[in-house]
Amino acid sequence: MRFQNILILPLLLLQFSCEPKVQAPAVAAAASGVLEVGNLTLRVDPQAGGRISSLLYQGRELLAQPSALDADNWGSTLWISPQESWGWPPPKSFDNLPYALKQSNASLALTGPVDDEKTGLQIVKNVQLLGADRLRIDYDLVNPSEQTKTFAAWEVTRVPIKGLVLFAHESAPLWWSFGEFPYQTYGDVTWIDVRESQLSEGKLNANGRGWLAWVERRTLFVKTFTDIGEAQQAPKEAEVQVYISPRGYMELEAQSAFTVIDAQQSLRFSTEWQVLTLPEHVDVSVDSPSLLTFLQTLGLKL
């Protein structure tokens, strides 16, 4: 990912909370944390920006891993939006600096250092098991300063370039940050089918409806989050973004509303992830009625 390329690209709740200032952590060398529920095994790496480093479903890895093509962009992480506030590369506190890890049987809490390069914010993450192959991630953007700041939270989840990506969106036109790749829109649902070939690099943006889904083989991965209006999106950003990289991964991205964070307060953005195996009667194809009906049974708005 390059700045020239502007890499801007279950059920979720977006909250704005007034919380005490979180102090910069005294980080100890800790092993990566692991949570397990049902068929899911999740691992975080506190030494690599507190990112989610692995998500196994029935023993199969779903997240993109470091490779010879790209050793930096892998797993799932949180950035701060808009990207124009920090350019490229991301501040080290987003992805690379150590986070303090606290763990219980059903949750992981990760506290990062204050970003003293660009935004002046601190990222805090809490991963909680919900049962039935579901988990929730609460992200807090903490403003420890005495000045008001305006930002959005931006979850970036990297997966292999495989399968079928789909999301519902409002009627406003989809738009490109850069590049271009084929997609198909039927009604208010857009489909990106990458099963047949590697697609060219590009980043697609949409004012979504609070969810983003990926089907690989018969495994369905859904992330859900609070739906926001077009006017609530950060400048030059979008609620839903899909980026396809020439380095072997794609990004499923979700953003919160662009929000004023008062001094000594924080913004909370929550996402819910669910992974499951599709029933045999569900046809995995573009504009599949049975797939859309199944997504509606999960409470997704089409």
C-alpha atoms as a PDB file:
ATOM      1  CA  MET A   1       0.000   0.000   0.000  1.00  0.00           C
ATOM      2  CA  ARG A   2       1.252   3.469  -0.916  1.00  0.00           C
ATOM      3  CA  PHE A   3      -0.077   6.934  -0.147  1.00  0.00           C
ATOM      4  CA  GLN A   4      -0.038   7.617  -3.855  1.00  0.00           C
ATOM      5  CA  ASN A   5      -2.554   4.803  -4.118  1.00  0.00           C
ATOM      6  CA  ILE A   6      -4.466   6.209  -1.137  1.00  0.00           C
ATOM      7  CA  LEU A   7      -5.167   2.891   0.570  1.00  0.00           C
ATOM      8  CA  ILE A   8      -8.462   3.853   2.063  1.00  0.00           C
ATOM      9  CA  LEU A   9     -10.118   0.758   1.725  1.00  0.00           C
ATOM     10  CA  PRO A  10     -21.594  -9.906  14.364  1.00  0.00           C
ATOM     11  CA  LEU A  11     -23.962  -7.211  15.026  1.00  0.00           C
ATOM     12  CA  LEU A  12     -22.037  -3.957  15.445  1.00  0.00           C
ATOM     13  CA  LEU A  13     -22.729  -0.986  17.655  1.00  0.00           C
ATOM     14  CA  LEU A  14     -21.228   2.467  17.196  1.00  0.00           C
ATOM     15  CA  GLN A  15     -21.016   4.402  20.410  1.00  0.00           C
ATOM     16  CA  PHE A  16     -19.587   7.704  21.478  1.00  0.00           C
ATOM     17  CA  SER A  17     -18.372   7.479  25.041  1.00  0.00           C
ATOM     18  CA  CYS A  18     -16.939   9.901  27.502  1.00  0.00           C
ATOM     19  CA  GLU A  19     -14.240   8.000  29.309  1.00  0.00           C
ATOM     20  CA  PRO A  20     -11.223   8.918  31.411  1.00  0.00           C
ATOM     21  CA  LYS A  21      -7.909   9.409  29.733  1.00  0.00           C
ATOM     22  CA  VAL A  22      -6.061   6.135  29.168  1.00  0.00           C
ATOM     23  CA  GLN A  23      -2.416   6.420  30.101  1.00  0.00           C
ATOM     24  CA  ALA A  24       0.326   5.187  27.780  1.00  0.00           C
ATOM     25  CA  PRO A  25       1.029   1.580  28.767  1.00  0.00           C
ATOM     26  CA  ALA A  26       4.146   0.161  30.302  1.00  0.00           C
ATOM     27  CA  VAL A  27       4.521  -2.679  27.807  1.00  0.00           C
ATOM     28  CA  ALA A  28       5.956  -5.994  28.901  1.00  0.00           C
ATOM     29  CA  ALA A  29       7.160  -8.664  26.524  1.00  0.00           C
ATOM     30  CA  ALA A  30       4.059 -10.852  26.370  1.00  0.00           C
ATOM     31  CA  ALA A  31       3.132 -13.793  24.209  1.00  0.00           C
ATOM     32  CA  SER A  32       0.342 -13.409  21.685  1.00  0.00           C
ATOM     33  CA  GLY A  33      -3.114 -13.867  23.233  1.00  0.00           C
ATOM     34  CA  VAL A  34      -5.483 -16.593  22.089  1.00  0.00           C
ATOM     35  CA  LEU A  35      -9.282 -16.883  22.347  1.00  0.00           C
ATOM     36  CA  GLU A  36     -11.351 -19.884  21.284  1.00  0.00           C
ATOM     37  CA  VAL A  37     -15.107 -20.230  20.798  1.00  0.00           C
ATOM     38  CA  GLY A  38     -16.921 -22.922  18.838  1.00  0.00           C
ATOM     39  CA  ASN A  39     -15.035 -23.485  15.594  1.00  0.00           C
ATOM     40  CA  LEU A  40     -13.091 -20.206  15.919  1.00  0.00           C
ATOM     41  CA  THR A  41      -9.581 -19.645  17.224  1.00  0.00           C
ATOM     42  CA  LEU A  42      -8.427 -16.016  17.309  1.00  0.00           C
ATOM     43  CA  ARG A  43      -4.897 -14.866  18.039  1.00  0.00           C
ATOM     44  CA  VAL A  44      -3.584 -11.343  18.590  1.00  0.00           C
ATOM     45  CA  ASP A  45      -0.002 -10.149  18.394  1.00  0.00           C
ATOM     46  CA  PRO A  46       0.628  -7.440  21.000  1.00  0.00           C
ATOM     47  CA  GLN A  47       4.133  -6.895  19.665  1.00  0.00           C
ATOM     48  CA  ALA A  48       2.833  -6.005  16.163  1.00  0.00           C
ATOM     49  CA  GLY A  49       0.478  -3.134  16.886  1.00  0.00           C
ATOM     50  CA  GLY A  50      -1.989  -5.305  18.780  1.00  0.00           C
ATOM     51  CA  ARG A  51      -3.342  -6.599  15.487  1.00  0.00           C
ATOM     52  CA  ILE A  52      -5.446  -9.744  15.107  1.00  0.00           C
ATOM     53  CA  SER A  53      -2.784 -11.971  13.613  1.00  0.00           C
ATOM     54  CA  SER A  54      -4.818 -15.131  12.982  1.00  0.00           C
ATOM     55  CA  LEU A  55      -8.448 -16.227  12.675  1.00  0.00           C
ATOM     56  CA  LEU A  56      -8.882 -19.972  12.288  1.00  0.00           C
ATOM     57  CA  TYR A  57     -12.239 -21.491  11.396  1.00  0.00           C
ATOM     58  CA  GLN A  58     -12.368 -25.273  11.680  1.00  0.00           C
ATOM     59  CA  GLY A  59      -8.576 -25.161  11.598  1.00  0.00           C
ATOM     60  CA  ARG A  60      -8.347 -23.121   8.366  1.00  0.00           C
ATOM     61  CA  GLU A  61      -6.716 -19.666   8.351  1.00  0.00           C
ATOM     62  CA  LEU A  62      -8.985 -16.885   7.091  1.00  0.00           C
ATOM     63  CA  LEU A  63      -6.706 -13.852   7.440  1.00  0.00           C
ATOM     64  CA  ALA A  64      -3.870 -12.885   5.096  1.00  0.00           C
ATOM     65  CA  GLN A  65      -0.459 -13.669   6.578  1.00  0.00           C
ATOM     66  CA  PRO A  66       2.960 -11.990   6.080  1.00  0.00           C
ATOM     67  CA  SER A  67       4.535 -12.898   2.749  1.00  0.00           C
ATOM     68  CA  ALA A  68       7.578 -12.211   0.640  1.00  0.00           C
ATOM     69  CA  LEU A  69       5.399  -9.810  -1.368  1.00  0.00           C
ATOM     70  CA  ASP A  70       4.260  -7.852   1.696  1.00  0.00           C
ATOM     71  CA  ALA A  71       5.631  -8.381   5.183  1.00  0.00           C
ATOM     72  CA  ASP A  72       3.810  -5.388   6.706  1.00  0.00           C
ATOM     73  CA  ASN A  73       0.164  -5.550   5.633  1.00  0.00           C
ATOM     74  CA  TRP A  74      -1.473  -8.658   7.090  1.00  0.00           C
ATOM     75  CA  GLY A  75      -4.022  -9.707   9.695  1.00  0.00           C
ATOM     76  CA  SER A  76      -6.657  -7.255  10.935  1.00  0.00           C
ATOM     77  CA  THR A  77      -5.899  -3.884  12.485  1.00  0.00           C
ATOM     78  CA  LEU A  78      -7.335  -0.480  13.298  1.00  0.00           C
ATOM     79  CA  TRP A  79      -6.302   2.746  11.621  1.00  0.00           C
ATOM     80  CA  ILE A  80      -7.463   6.296  12.221  1.00  0.00           C
ATOM     81  CA  SER A  81      -9.394   8.070   9.457  1.00  0.00           C
ATOM     82  CA  PRO A  82      -9.099  10.102   7.311  1.00  0.00           C
ATOM     83  CA  GLN A  83      -5.861   8.933   5.753  1.00  0.00           C
ATOM     84  CA  GLU A  84      -5.120  12.464   4.600  1.00  0.00           C
ATOM     85  CA  SER A  85      -4.444  13.280   8.278  1.00  0.00           C
ATOM     86  CA  TRP A  86      -1.329  11.070   8.284  1.00  0.00           C
ATOM     87  CA  GLY A  87      -0.398  10.219   4.699  1.00  0.00           C
ATOM     88  CA  TRP A  88       1.816   7.159   4.227  1.00  0.00           C
ATOM     89  CA  PRO A  89       3.139   5.040   5.865  1.00  0.00           C
ATOM     90  CA  PRO A  90       0.785   4.687   8.834  1.00  0.00           C
ATOM     91  CA  PRO A  91       2.075   5.947  12.184  1.00  0.00           C
ATOM     92  CA  LYS A  92       3.945   3.172  13.972  1.00  0.00           C
ATOM     93  CA  SER A  93       1.425   3.100  16.821  1.00  0.00           C
ATOM     94  CA  PHE A  94      -1.253   1.828  14.402  1.00  0.00           C
ATOM     95  CA  ASP A  95       0.491  -1.363  13.285  1.00  0.00           C
ATOM     96  CA  ASN A  96       3.962  -1.855  14.648  1.00  0.00           C
ATOM     97  CA  LEU A  97       4.618  -0.642  18.202  1.00  0.00           C
ATOM     98  CA  PRO A  98       3.942  -2.971  21.155  1.00  0.00           C
ATOM     99  CA  TYR A  99       0.575  -2.925  22.897  1.00  0.00           C
ATOM    100  CA  ALA A 100      -0.038  -3.895  26.525  1.00  0.00           C
ATOM    101  CA  LEU A 101      -2.079  -7.109  26.734  1.00  0.00           C
ATOM    102  CA  LYS A 102      -4.511  -8.144  29.467  1.00  0.00           C
ATOM    103  CA  GLN A 103      -6.390 -11.403  29.088  1.00  0.00           C
ATOM    104  CA  SER A 104      -9.331 -13.196  30.667  1.00  0.00           C
ATOM    105  CA  ASN A 105     -11.043 -16.428  29.652  1.00  0.00           C
ATOM    106  CA  ALA A 106     -13.373 -14.679  27.208  1.00  0.00           C
ATOM    107  CA  SER A 107     -11.684 -11.395  26.291  1.00  0.00           C
ATOM    108  CA  LEU A 108      -8.448  -9.690  25.319  1.00  0.00           C
ATOM    109  CA  ALA A 109      -7.660  -6.033  26.054  1.00  0.00           C
ATOM    110  CA  LEU A 110      -4.894  -4.285  24.118  1.00  0.00           C
ATOM    111  CA  THR A 111      -3.708  -0.766  24.929  1.00  0.00           C
ATOM    112  CA  GLY A 112      -1.430   1.026  22.502  1.00  0.00           C
ATOM    113  CA  PRO A 113       0.894   3.998  22.927  1.00  0.00           C
ATOM    114  CA  VAL A 114      -0.174   7.527  22.071  1.00  0.00           C
ATOM    115  CA  ASP A 115       0.489   8.352  18.427  1.00  0.00           C
ATOM    116  CA  ASP A 116       2.925  11.235  18.753  1.00  0.00           C
ATOM    117  CA  GLU A 117       3.661  11.293  14.992  1.00  0.00           C
ATOM    118  CA  LYS A 118       0.390  12.532  13.455  1.00  0.00           C
ATOM    119  CA  THR A 119      -2.967  12.187  15.219  1.00  0.00           C
ATOM    120  CA  GLY A 120      -2.147  12.523  18.931  1.00  0.00           C
ATOM    121  CA  LEU A 121      -4.632   9.726  19.698  1.00  0.00           C
ATOM    122  CA  GLN A 122      -4.291   6.427  21.522  1.00  0.00           C
ATOM    123  CA  ILE A 123      -5.900   3.176  20.332  1.00  0.00           C
ATOM    124  CA  VAL A 124      -7.420   0.709  22.803  1.00  0.00           C
ATOM    125  CA  LYS A 125      -8.914  -2.615  21.626  1.00  0.00           C
ATOM    126  CA  ASN A 126     -11.069  -5.139  23.451  1.00  0.00           C
ATOM    127  CA  VAL A 127     -11.907  -8.479  21.825  1.00  0.00           C
ATOM    128  CA  GLN A 128     -14.776 -10.386  23.429  1.00  0.00           C
ATOM    129  CA  LEU A 129     -16.189 -13.828  22.649  1.00  0.00           C
ATOM    130  CA  LEU A 130     -19.948 -13.935  22.091  1.00  0.00           C
ATOM    131  CA  GLY A 131     -20.380 -17.669  21.495  1.00  0.00           C
ATOM    132  CA  ALA A 132     -21.665 -19.502  18.414  1.00  0.00           C
ATOM    133  CA  ASP A 133     -18.606 -18.585  16.295  1.00  0.00           C
ATOM    134  CA  ARG A 134     -19.101 -14.884  16.972  1.00  0.00           C
ATOM    135  CA  LEU A 135     -16.957 -12.183  18.524  1.00  0.00           C
ATOM    136  CA  ARG A 136     -17.132  -8.474  19.164  1.00  0.00           C
ATOM    137  CA  ILE A 137     -14.322  -5.936  18.945  1.00  0.00           C
ATOM    138  CA  ASP A 138     -14.601  -2.602  20.745  1.00  0.00           C
ATOM    139  CA  TYR A 139     -12.171   0.062  19.574  1.00  0.00           C
ATOM    140  CA  ASP A 140     -11.609   3.229  21.578  1.00  0.00           C
ATOM    141  CA  LEU A 141      -9.895   6.277  20.079  1.00  0.00           C
ATOM    142  CA  VAL A 142      -8.681   8.142  23.154  1.00  0.00           C
ATOM    143  CA  ASN A 143      -7.843  11.832  23.029  1.00  0.00           C
ATOM    144  CA  PRO A 144      -5.389  12.431  25.908  1.00  0.00           C
ATOM    145  CA  SER A 145      -4.737  16.034  24.888  1.00  0.00           C
ATOM    146  CA  GLU A 146      -6.360  19.284  25.943  1.00  0.00           C
ATOM    147  CA  GLN A 147      -7.520  20.020  22.375  1.00  0.00           C
ATOM    148  CA  THR A 148     -10.620  18.823  20.527  1.00  0.00           C
ATOM    149  CA  LYS A 149      -9.902  16.452  17.632  1.00  0.00           C
ATOM    150  CA  THR A 150     -12.090  15.089  14.823  1.00  0.00           C
ATOM    151  CA  PHE A 151     -11.482  11.606  13.458  1.00  0.00           C
ATOM    152  CA  ALA A 152     -13.134   8.288  12.573  1.00  0.00           C
ATOM    153  CA  ALA A 153     -12.158   4.731  13.456  1.00  0.00           C
ATOM    154  CA  TRP A 154     -11.195   2.480  10.547  1.00  0.00           C
ATOM    155  CA  GLU A 155     -11.075  -1.330  10.788  1.00  0.00           C
ATOM    156  CA  VAL A 156      -8.874  -2.940   8.124  1.00  0.00           C
ATOM    157  CA  THR A 157      -9.216  -6.727   7.753  1.00  0.00           C
ATOM    158  CA  ARG A 158      -6.944  -8.439   5.233  1.00  0.00           C
ATOM    159  CA  VAL A 159      -7.889 -11.753   3.627  1.00  0.00           C
ATOM    160  CA  PRO A 160      -6.586 -13.753   0.640  1.00  0.00           C
ATOM    161  CA  ILE A 161      -7.807 -12.765  -2.822  1.00  0.00           C
ATOM    162  CA  LYS A 162     -10.332 -15.572  -3.102  1.00  0.00           C
ATOM    163  CA  GLY A 163     -14.070 -16.094  -3.142  1.00  0.00           C
ATOM    164  CA  LEU A 164     -16.936 -13.639  -3.332  1.00  0.00           C
ATOM    165  CA  VAL A 165     -17.275 -10.255  -1.590  1.00  0.00           C
ATOM    166  CA  LEU A 166     -20.637  -8.533  -1.242  1.00  0.00           C
ATOM    167  CA  PHE A 167     -22.223  -5.614   0.583  1.00  0.00           C
ATOM    168  CA  ALA A 168     -25.438  -3.588   0.495  1.00  0.00           C
ATOM    169  CA  HIS A 169     -25.317   0.170   0.053  1.00  0.00           C
ATOM    170  CA  GLU A 170     -27.384   3.275  -0.434  1.00  0.00           C
ATOM    171  CA  SER A 171     -28.297   4.598  -3.870  1.00  0.00           C
ATOM    172  CA  ALA A 172     -25.450   7.135  -3.978  1.00  0.00           C
ATOM    173  CA  PRO A 173     -22.905   6.082  -6.620  1.00  0.00           C
ATOM    174  CA  LEU A 174     -19.963   3.889  -5.683  1.00  0.00           C
ATOM    175  CA  TRP A 175     -16.609   5.577  -6.307  1.00  0.00           C
ATOM    176  CA  TRP A 176     -12.943   4.711  -6.728  1.00  0.00           C
ATOM    177  CA  SER A 177     -10.075   6.000  -4.616  1.00  0.00           C
ATOM    178  CA  PHE A 178      -7.784   4.754  -7.372  1.00  0.00           C
ATOM    179  CA  GLY A 179      -7.530   1.870  -9.814  1.00  0.00           C
ATOM    180  CA  GLU A 180     -10.436  -0.259 -10.933  1.00  0.00           C
ATOM    181  CA  PHE A 181     -11.627  -3.863 -10.917  1.00  0.00           C
ATOM    182  CA  PRO A 182     -14.817  -5.577 -12.123  1.00  0.00           C
ATOM    183  CA  TYR A 183     -17.886  -5.633  -9.908  1.00  0.00           C
ATOM    184  CA  GLN A 184     -21.607  -6.182 -10.443  1.00  0.00           C
ATOM    185  CA  THR A 185     -24.502  -4.389  -8.761  1.00  0.00           C
ATOM    186  CA  TYR A 186     -28.028  -5.807  -8.585  1.00  0.00           C
ATOM    187  CA  GLY A 187     -30.496  -3.606  -6.775  1.00  0.00           C
ATOM    188  CA  ASP A 188     -28.638  -2.235  -3.751  1.00  0.00           C
ATOM    189  CA  VAL A 189     -26.129  -5.095  -3.410  1.00  0.00           C
ATOM    190  CA  THR A 190     -22.686  -5.054  -5.015  1.00  0.00           C
ATOM    191  CA  TRP A 191     -20.744  -8.269  -5.722  1.00  0.00           C
ATOM    192  CA  ILE A 192     -17.007  -8.673  -6.347  1.00  0.00           C
ATOM    193  CA  ASP A 193     -16.239 -12.144  -7.688  1.00  0.00           C
ATOM    194  CA  VAL A 194     -12.533 -13.006  -7.433  1.00  0.00           C
ATOM    195  CA  ARG A 195     -12.903 -16.771  -7.847  1.00  0.00           C
ATOM    196  CA  GLU A 196     -11.919 -16.910 -11.492  1.00  0.00           C
ATOM    197  CA  SER A 197      -8.876 -14.658 -11.736  1.00  0.00           C
ATOM    198  CA  GLN A 198      -6.623 -12.199  -9.928  1.00  0.00           C
ATOM    199  CA  LEU A 199      -8.061  -8.712 -10.242  1.00  0.00           C
ATOM    200  CA  SER A 200      -6.156  -5.504 -10.894  1.00  0.00           C
ATOM    201  CA  GLU A 201      -5.380  -3.158  -8.016  1.00  0.00           C
ATOM    202  CA  GLY A 202      -8.115  -0.787  -6.952  1.00  0.00           C
ATOM    203  CA  LYS A 203     -10.150   0.558  -4.076  1.00  0.00           C
ATOM    204  CA  LEU A 204     -13.950   0.737  -4.154  1.00  0.00           C
ATOM    205  CA  ASN A 205     -15.969   2.928  -1.760  1.00  0.00           C
ATOM    206  CA  ALA A 206     -19.641   2.918  -0.765  1.00  0.00           C
ATOM    207  CA  ASN A 207     -22.012   4.376   1.779  1.00  0.00           C
ATOM    208  CA  GLY A 208     -22.964   0.929   3.052  1.00  0.00           C
ATOM    209  CA  ARG A 209     -25.742  -0.490   5.198  1.00  0.00           C
ATOM    210  CA  GLY A 210     -23.705  -1.677   8.148  1.00  0.00           C
ATOM    211  CA  TRP A 211     -22.252  -4.956   6.909  1.00  0.00           C
ATOM    212  CA  LEU A 212     -19.645  -6.522   4.650  1.00  0.00           C
ATOM    213  CA  ALA A 213     -19.504 -10.236   3.744  1.00  0.00           C
ATOM    214  CA  TRP A 214     -16.940 -12.585   2.232  1.00  0.00           C
ATOM    215  CA  VAL A 215     -17.650 -16.143   1.068  1.00  0.00           C
ATOM    216  CA  GLU A 216     -14.720 -18.487   0.446  1.00  0.00           C
ATOM    217  CA  ARG A 217     -15.624 -22.050  -0.540  1.00  0.00           C
ATOM    218  CA  ARG A 218     -18.691 -22.461   1.711  1.00  0.00           C
ATOM    219  CA  THR A 219     -17.375 -20.448   4.623  1.00  0.00           C
ATOM    220  CA  LEU A 220     -19.167 -17.149   5.253  1.00  0.00           C
ATOM    221  CA  PHE A 221     -17.385 -14.364   7.131  1.00  0.00           C
ATOM    222  CA  VAL A 222     -19.553 -11.364   8.026  1.00  0.00           C
ATOM    223  CA  LYS A 223     -18.565  -8.204   9.819  1.00  0.00           C
ATOM    224  CA  THR A 224     -21.331  -5.880  10.991  1.00  0.00           C
ATOM    225  CA  PHE A 225     -21.193  -2.311  12.289  1.00  0.00           C
ATOM    226  CA  THR A 226     -23.440   0.703  12.758  1.00  0.00           C
ATOM    227  CA  ASP A 227     -24.786   2.096   9.504  1.00  0.00           C
ATOM    228  CA  ILE A 228     -23.907   5.765   9.002  1.00  0.00           C
ATOM    229  CA  GLY A 229     -25.200   8.410   6.623  1.00  0.00           C
ATOM    230  CA  GLU A 230     -23.284   9.765   3.669  1.00  0.00           C
ATOM    231  CA  ALA A 231     -22.696  13.095   5.427  1.00  0.00           C
ATOM    232  CA  GLN A 232     -21.193  11.304   8.447  1.00  0.00           C
ATOM    233  CA  GLN A 233     -18.342   9.763   6.461  1.00  0.00           C
ATOM    234  CA  ALA A 234     -14.814  11.107   6.933  1.00  0.00           C
ATOM    235  CA  PRO A 235     -13.443  13.335   4.130  1.00  0.00           C
ATOM    236  CA  LYS A 236     -12.478  11.287   1.061  1.00  0.00           C
ATOM    237  CA  GLU A 237     -13.433   8.103   2.946  1.00  0.00           C
ATOM    238  CA  ALA A 238     -16.465   5.791   3.109  1.00  0.00           C
ATOM    239  CA  GLU A 239     -18.371   3.541   5.485  1.00  0.00           C
ATOM    240  CA  VAL A 240     -17.507   0.442   3.406  1.00  0.00           C
ATOM    241  CA  GLN A 241     -14.324  -0.013   1.389  1.00  0.00           C
ATOM    242  CA  VAL A 242     -12.818  -2.939  -0.505  1.00  0.00           C
ATOM    243  CA  TYR A 243      -9.184  -2.796  -1.593  1.00  0.00           C
ATOM    244  CA  ILE A 244      -7.524  -5.374  -3.844  1.00  0.00           C
ATOM    245  CA  SER A 245      -3.745  -5.368  -3.609  1.00  0.00           C
ATOM    246  CA  PRO A 246      -1.265  -6.624  -6.225  1.00  0.00           C
ATOM    247  CA  ARG A 247       0.605  -8.186  -3.299  1.00  0.00           C
ATOM    248  CA  GLY A 248      -1.746 -11.089  -2.756  1.00  0.00           C
ATOM    249  CA  TYR A 249      -4.389  -9.848  -0.304  1.00  0.00           C
ATOM    250  CA  MET A 250      -7.563  -7.801  -0.232  1.00  0.00           C
ATOM    251  CA  GLU A 251      -8.956  -5.601   2.496  1.00  0.00           C
ATOM    252  CA  LEU A 252     -12.483  -5.600   3.907  1.00  0.00           C
ATOM    253  CA  GLU A 253     -12.758  -2.197   5.561  1.00  0.00           C
ATOM    254  CA  ALA A 254     -15.350  -0.479   7.762  1.00  0.00           C
ATOM    255  CA  GLN A 255     -15.356   3.039   9.176  1.00  0.00           C
ATOM    256  CA  SER A 256     -17.213   4.846  11.930  1.00  0.00           C
ATOM    257  CA  ALA A 257     -18.744   8.284  11.677  1.00  0.00           C
ATOM    258  CA  PHE A 258     -16.361  11.245  11.498  1.00  0.00           C
ATOM    259  CA  THR A 259     -16.708  12.508  15.046  1.00  0.00           C
ATOM    260  CA  VAL A 260     -15.537  15.289  17.337  1.00  0.00           C
ATOM    261  CA  ILE A 261     -13.549  13.811  20.237  1.00  0.00           C
ATOM    262  CA  ASP A 262     -13.371  16.253  23.118  1.00  0.00           C
ATOM    263  CA  ALA A 263     -10.238  16.716  25.216  1.00  0.00           C
ATOM    264  CA  GLN A 264      -9.618  13.826  27.627  1.00  0.00           C
ATOM    265  CA  GLN A 265     -12.505  11.852  26.054  1.00  0.00           C
ATOM    266  CA  SER A 266     -12.835   8.991  23.565  1.00  0.00           C
ATOM    267  CA  LEU A 267     -14.760   7.635  20.590  1.00  0.00           C
ATOM    268  CA  ARG A 268     -15.932   4.023  20.597  1.00  0.00           C
ATOM    269  CA  PHE A 269     -16.441   1.995  17.419  1.00  0.00           C
ATOM    270  CA  SER A 270     -17.544  -1.631  17.648  1.00  0.00           C
ATOM    271  CA  THR A 271     -17.685  -4.399  15.088  1.00  0.00           C
ATOM    272  CA  GLU A 272     -19.080  -7.895  15.357  1.00  0.00           C
ATOM    273  CA  TRP A 273     -17.630 -10.801  13.401  1.00  0.00           C
ATOM    274  CA  GLN A 274     -19.430 -14.046  12.610  1.00  0.00           C
ATOM    275  CA  VAL A 275     -18.081 -17.065  10.725  1.00  0.00           C
ATOM    276  CA  LEU A 276     -20.184 -20.043   9.701  1.00  0.00           C
ATOM    277  CA  THR A 277     -20.622 -22.767   7.093  1.00  0.00           C
ATOM    278  CA  LEU A 278     -23.388 -22.091   4.597  1.00  0.00           C
ATOM    279  CA  PRO A 279     -26.247 -24.616   4.423  1.00  0.00           C
ATOM    280  CA  GLU A 280     -26.157 -26.916   1.407  1.00  0.00           C
ATOM    281  CA  HIS A 281     -29.197 -25.275  -0.199  1.00  0.00           C
ATOM    282  CA  VAL A 282     -27.448 -21.880  -0.430  1.00  0.00           C
ATOM    283  CA  ASP A 283     -26.025 -21.211  -3.883  1.00  0.00           C
ATOM    284  CA  VAL A 284     -22.725 -19.287  -3.813  1.00  0.00           C
ATOM    285  CA  SER A 285     -22.951 -17.144  -6.942  1.00  0.00           C
ATOM    286  CA  VAL A 286     -23.406 -13.520  -7.930  1.00  0.00           C
ATOM    287  CA  ASP A 287     -26.938 -12.262  -7.159  1.00  0.00           C
ATOM    288  CA  SER A 288     -27.875 -15.602  -5.586  1.00  0.00           C
ATOM    289  CA  PRO A 289     -31.427 -15.357  -4.158  1.00  0.00           C
ATOM    290  CA  SER A 290     -30.742 -18.132  -1.635  1.00  0.00           C
ATOM    291  CA  LEU A 291     -27.566 -16.405  -0.393  1.00  0.00           C
ATOM    292  CA  LEU A 292     -29.353 -13.073  -0.024  1.00  0.00           C
ATOM    293  CA  THR A 293     -32.223 -14.732   1.828  1.00  0.00           C
ATOM    294  CA  PHE A 294     -29.772 -16.438   4.158  1.00  0.00           C
ATOM    295  CA  LEU A 295     -28.036 -13.129   4.896  1.00  0.00           C
ATOM    296  CA  GLN A 296     -31.417 -11.662   5.821  1.00  0.00           C
ATOM    297  CA  THR A 297     -31.896 -14.442   8.371  1.00  0.00           C
ATOM    298  CA  LEU A 298     -28.738 -13.113  10.045  1.00  0.00           C
ATOM    299  CA  GLY A 299     -30.400  -9.723  10.371  1.00  0.00           C
ATOM    300  CA  LEU A 300     -28.514  -7.997   7.554  1.00  0.00           C
ATOM    301  CA  LYS A 301     -30.259  -5.140   5.763  1.00  0.00           C
ATOM    302  CA  LEU A 302     -30.336  -5.497   1.969  1.00  0.00           C
END
